[in-house]
Each structure stands twice: as structure tokens, then as C-alpha cells.
């Protein structure tokens, strides 16, 4: 695997984790509002 592919996969993982955390926080806030 080339360095570029490694960086791309690394950033995709970070973005995915960030989105999952963000979605979890949004879901929690909506649950509290209910």
C-alpha cells in the first residue's frame, strides 16, 4: 500500500469516527429534548 493510500484511509477513518460521534451527540440531545 502506498503512502497516499495510507493517508486516505487514515483520514476516512477519522472522518467516519467524527461523524459517528457527532451523530451520537445529536441523537442524545434529541432524546433529552423529548
PDB file of N, CA and C in Angstrom:
ATOM      1  N   UNK A   1       0.857  -1.199   0.000  1.00  0.00           N
ATOM      2  CA  UNK A   1       0.000   0.000   0.000  1.00  0.00           C
ATOM      3  C   UNK A   1       0.886   1.239   0.000  1.00  0.00           C
ATOM      4  N   UNK A   2       0.546   2.184  -0.857  1.00  0.00           N
ATOM      5  CA  UNK A   2       1.351   3.397  -0.958  1.00  0.00           C
ATOM      6  C   UNK A   2       1.043   4.354   0.189  1.00  0.00           C
ATOM      7  N   UNK A   3       1.906   5.340   0.360  1.00  0.00           N
ATOM      8  CA  UNK A   3       1.747   6.319   1.439  1.00  0.00           C
ATOM      9  C   UNK A   3       0.457   7.117   1.263  1.00  0.00           C
ATOM     10  N   UNK A   4       0.141   7.457  -0.005  1.00  0.00           N
ATOM     11  CA  UNK A   4      -1.073   8.235  -0.273  1.00  0.00           C
ATOM     12  C   UNK A   4      -2.316   7.441   0.124  1.00  0.00           C
ATOM     13  N   UNK A   5      -2.346   6.149  -0.231  1.00  0.00           N
ATOM     14  CA  UNK A   5      -3.494   5.312   0.122  1.00  0.00           C
ATOM     15  C   UNK A   5      -3.629   5.211   1.634  1.00  0.00           C
ATOM     16  N   UNK A   6      -2.488   5.107   2.317  1.00  0.00           N
ATOM     17  CA  UNK A   6      -2.498   5.019   3.779  1.00  0.00           C
ATOM     18  C   UNK A   6      -3.090   6.273   4.394  1.00  0.00           C
ATOM     19  N   UNK A   7      -2.658   7.431   3.896  1.00  0.00           N
ATOM     20  CA  UNK A   7      -3.182   8.702   4.420  1.00  0.00           C
ATOM     21  C   UNK A   7      -4.672   8.819   4.139  1.00  0.00           C
ATOM     22  N   UNK A   8      -5.093   8.405   2.944  1.00  0.00           N
ATOM     23  CA  UNK A   8      -6.501   8.496   2.564  1.00  0.00           C
ATOM     24  C   UNK A   8      -7.353   7.641   3.500  1.00  0.00           C
ATOM     25  N   UNK A   9      -6.929   6.402   3.735  1.00  0.00           N
ATOM     26  CA  UNK A   9      -7.666   5.515   4.634  1.00  0.00           C
ATOM     27  C   UNK A   9      -7.682   6.087   6.046  1.00  0.00           C
ATOM     28  N   UNK A  10      -6.552   6.665   6.467  1.00  0.00           N
ATOM     29  CA  UNK A  10      -6.437   7.257   7.803  1.00  0.00           C
ATOM     30  C   UNK A  10      -7.450   8.385   7.974  1.00  0.00           C
ATOM     31  N   UNK A  11      -7.528   9.272   6.979  1.00  0.00           N
ATOM     32  CA  UNK A  11      -8.465  10.397   7.062  1.00  0.00           C
ATOM     33  C   UNK A  11      -9.911   9.932   6.977  1.00  0.00           C
ATOM     34  N   UNK A  12     -10.164   8.884   6.186  1.00  0.00           N
ATOM     35  CA  UNK A  12     -11.528   8.353   6.085  1.00  0.00           C
ATOM     36  C   UNK A  12     -11.974   7.792   7.432  1.00  0.00           C
ATOM     37  N   UNK A  13     -11.054   7.118   8.136  1.00  0.00           N
ATOM     38  CA  UNK A  13     -11.375   6.566   9.452  1.00  0.00           C
ATOM     39  C   UNK A  13     -11.683   7.684  10.435  1.00  0.00           C
ATOM     40  N   UNK A  14     -10.850   8.735  10.425  1.00  0.00           N
ATOM     41  CA  UNK A  14     -11.061   9.866  11.337  1.00  0.00           C
ATOM     42  C   UNK A  14     -12.402  10.532  11.042  1.00  0.00           C
ATOM     43  N   UNK A  15     -12.685  10.750   9.754  1.00  0.00           N
ATOM     44  CA  UNK A  15     -13.945  11.394   9.367  1.00  0.00           C
ATOM     45  C   UNK A  15     -15.135  10.542   9.796  1.00  0.00           C
ATOM     46  N   UNK A  16     -15.020   9.225   9.588  1.00  0.00           N
ATOM     47  CA  UNK A  16     -16.107   8.320   9.952  1.00  0.00           C
ATOM     48  C   UNK A  16     -16.342   8.354  11.456  1.00  0.00           C
ATOM     49  N   UNK A  17     -15.265   8.279  12.248  1.00  0.00           N
ATOM     50  CA  UNK A  17     -15.385   8.317  13.709  1.00  0.00           C
ATOM     51  C   UNK A  17     -15.999   9.637  14.148  1.00  0.00           C
ATOM     52  N   UNK A  18     -15.549  10.748  13.548  1.00  0.00           N
ATOM     53  CA  UNK A  18     -16.062  12.065  13.918  1.00  0.00           C
ATOM     54  C   UNK A  18     -17.556  12.155  13.635  1.00  0.00           C
ATOM     55  N   UNK A  19     -17.970  11.620  12.487  1.00  0.00           N
ATOM     56  CA  UNK A  19     -19.391  11.663  12.129  1.00  0.00           C
ATOM     57  C   UNK A  19     -20.213  10.803  13.076  1.00  0.00           C
ATOM     58  N   UNK A  20     -19.685   9.627  13.441  1.00  0.00           N
ATOM     59  CA  UNK A  20     -20.404   8.751  14.364  1.00  0.00           C
ATOM     60  C   UNK A  20     -20.576   9.429  15.712  1.00  0.00           C
ATOM     61  N   UNK A  21     -19.518  10.076  16.211  1.00  0.00           N
ATOM     62  CA  UNK A  21     -19.582  10.776  17.497  1.00  0.00           C
ATOM     63  C   UNK A  21     -20.567  11.930  17.398  1.00  0.00           C
ATOM     64  N   UNK A  22     -20.496  12.694  16.305  1.00  0.00           N
ATOM     65  CA  UNK A  22     -21.381  13.841  16.105  1.00  0.00           C
ATOM     66  C   UNK A  22     -22.840  13.376  16.055  1.00  0.00           C
ATOM     67  N   UNK A  23     -23.088  12.286  15.350  1.00  0.00           N
ATOM     68  CA  UNK A  23     -24.443  11.740  15.244  1.00  0.00           C
ATOM     69  C   UNK A  23     -24.928  11.282  16.614  1.00  0.00           C
ATOM     70  N   UNK A  24     -24.048  10.656  17.380  1.00  0.00           N
ATOM     71  CA  UNK A  24     -24.395  10.198  18.725  1.00  0.00           C
ATOM     72  C   UNK A  24     -24.773  11.368  19.619  1.00  0.00           C
ATOM     73  N   UNK A  25     -24.020  12.460  19.526  1.00  0.00           N
ATOM     74  CA  UNK A  25     -24.299  13.654  20.332  1.00  0.00           C
ATOM     75  C   UNK A  25     -25.643  14.247  19.922  1.00  0.00           C
ATOM     76  N   UNK A  26     -25.895  14.356  18.619  1.00  0.00           N
ATOM     77  CA  UNK A  26     -27.171  14.889  18.124  1.00  0.00           C
ATOM     78  C   UNK A  26     -28.330  14.026  18.629  1.00  0.00           C
ATOM     79  N   UNK A  27     -28.163  12.715  18.556  1.00  0.00           N
ATOM     80  CA  UNK A  27     -29.202  11.782  18.988  1.00  0.00           C
ATOM     81  C   UNK A  27     -29.482  11.961  20.483  1.00  0.00           C
ATOM     82  N   UNK A  28     -28.419  12.133  21.271  1.00  0.00           N
ATOM     83  CA  UNK A  28     -28.567  12.319  22.720  1.00  0.00           C
ATOM     84  C   UNK A  28     -29.319  13.607  23.015  1.00  0.00           C
ATOM     85  N   UNK A  29     -28.974  14.683  22.311  1.00  0.00           N
ATOM     86  CA  UNK A  29     -29.649  15.967  22.525  1.00  0.00           C
ATOM     87  C   UNK A  29     -31.136  15.855  22.183  1.00  0.00           C
ATOM     88  N   UNK A  30     -31.455  15.162  21.093  1.00  0.00           N
ATOM     89  CA  UNK A  30     -32.853  14.997  20.695  1.00  0.00           C
ATOM     90  C   UNK A  30     -33.595  14.181  21.747  1.00  0.00           C
ATOM     91  N   UNK A  31     -32.921  13.193  22.303  1.00  0.00           N
ATOM     92  CA  UNK A  31     -33.525  12.334  23.322  1.00  0.00           C
ATOM     93  C   UNK A  31     -33.824  13.151  24.581  1.00  0.00           C
ATOM     94  N   UNK A  32     -32.904  14.055  24.942  1.00  0.00           N
ATOM     95  CA  UNK A  32     -33.086  14.906  26.128  1.00  0.00           C
ATOM     96  C   UNK A  32     -34.248  15.878  25.899  1.00  0.00           C
ATOM     97  N   UNK A  33     -34.357  16.421  24.697  1.00  0.00           N
ATOM     98  CA  UNK A  33     -35.434  17.369  24.397  1.00  0.00           C
ATOM     99  C   UNK A  33     -36.798  16.696  24.518  1.00  0.00           C
ATOM    100  N   UNK A  34     -36.877  15.424  24.153  1.00  0.00           N
ATOM    101  CA  UNK A  34     -38.137  14.692  24.258  1.00  0.00           C
ATOM    102  C   UNK A  34     -38.524  14.574  25.722  1.00  0.00           C
TER     103      UNK A  34
END
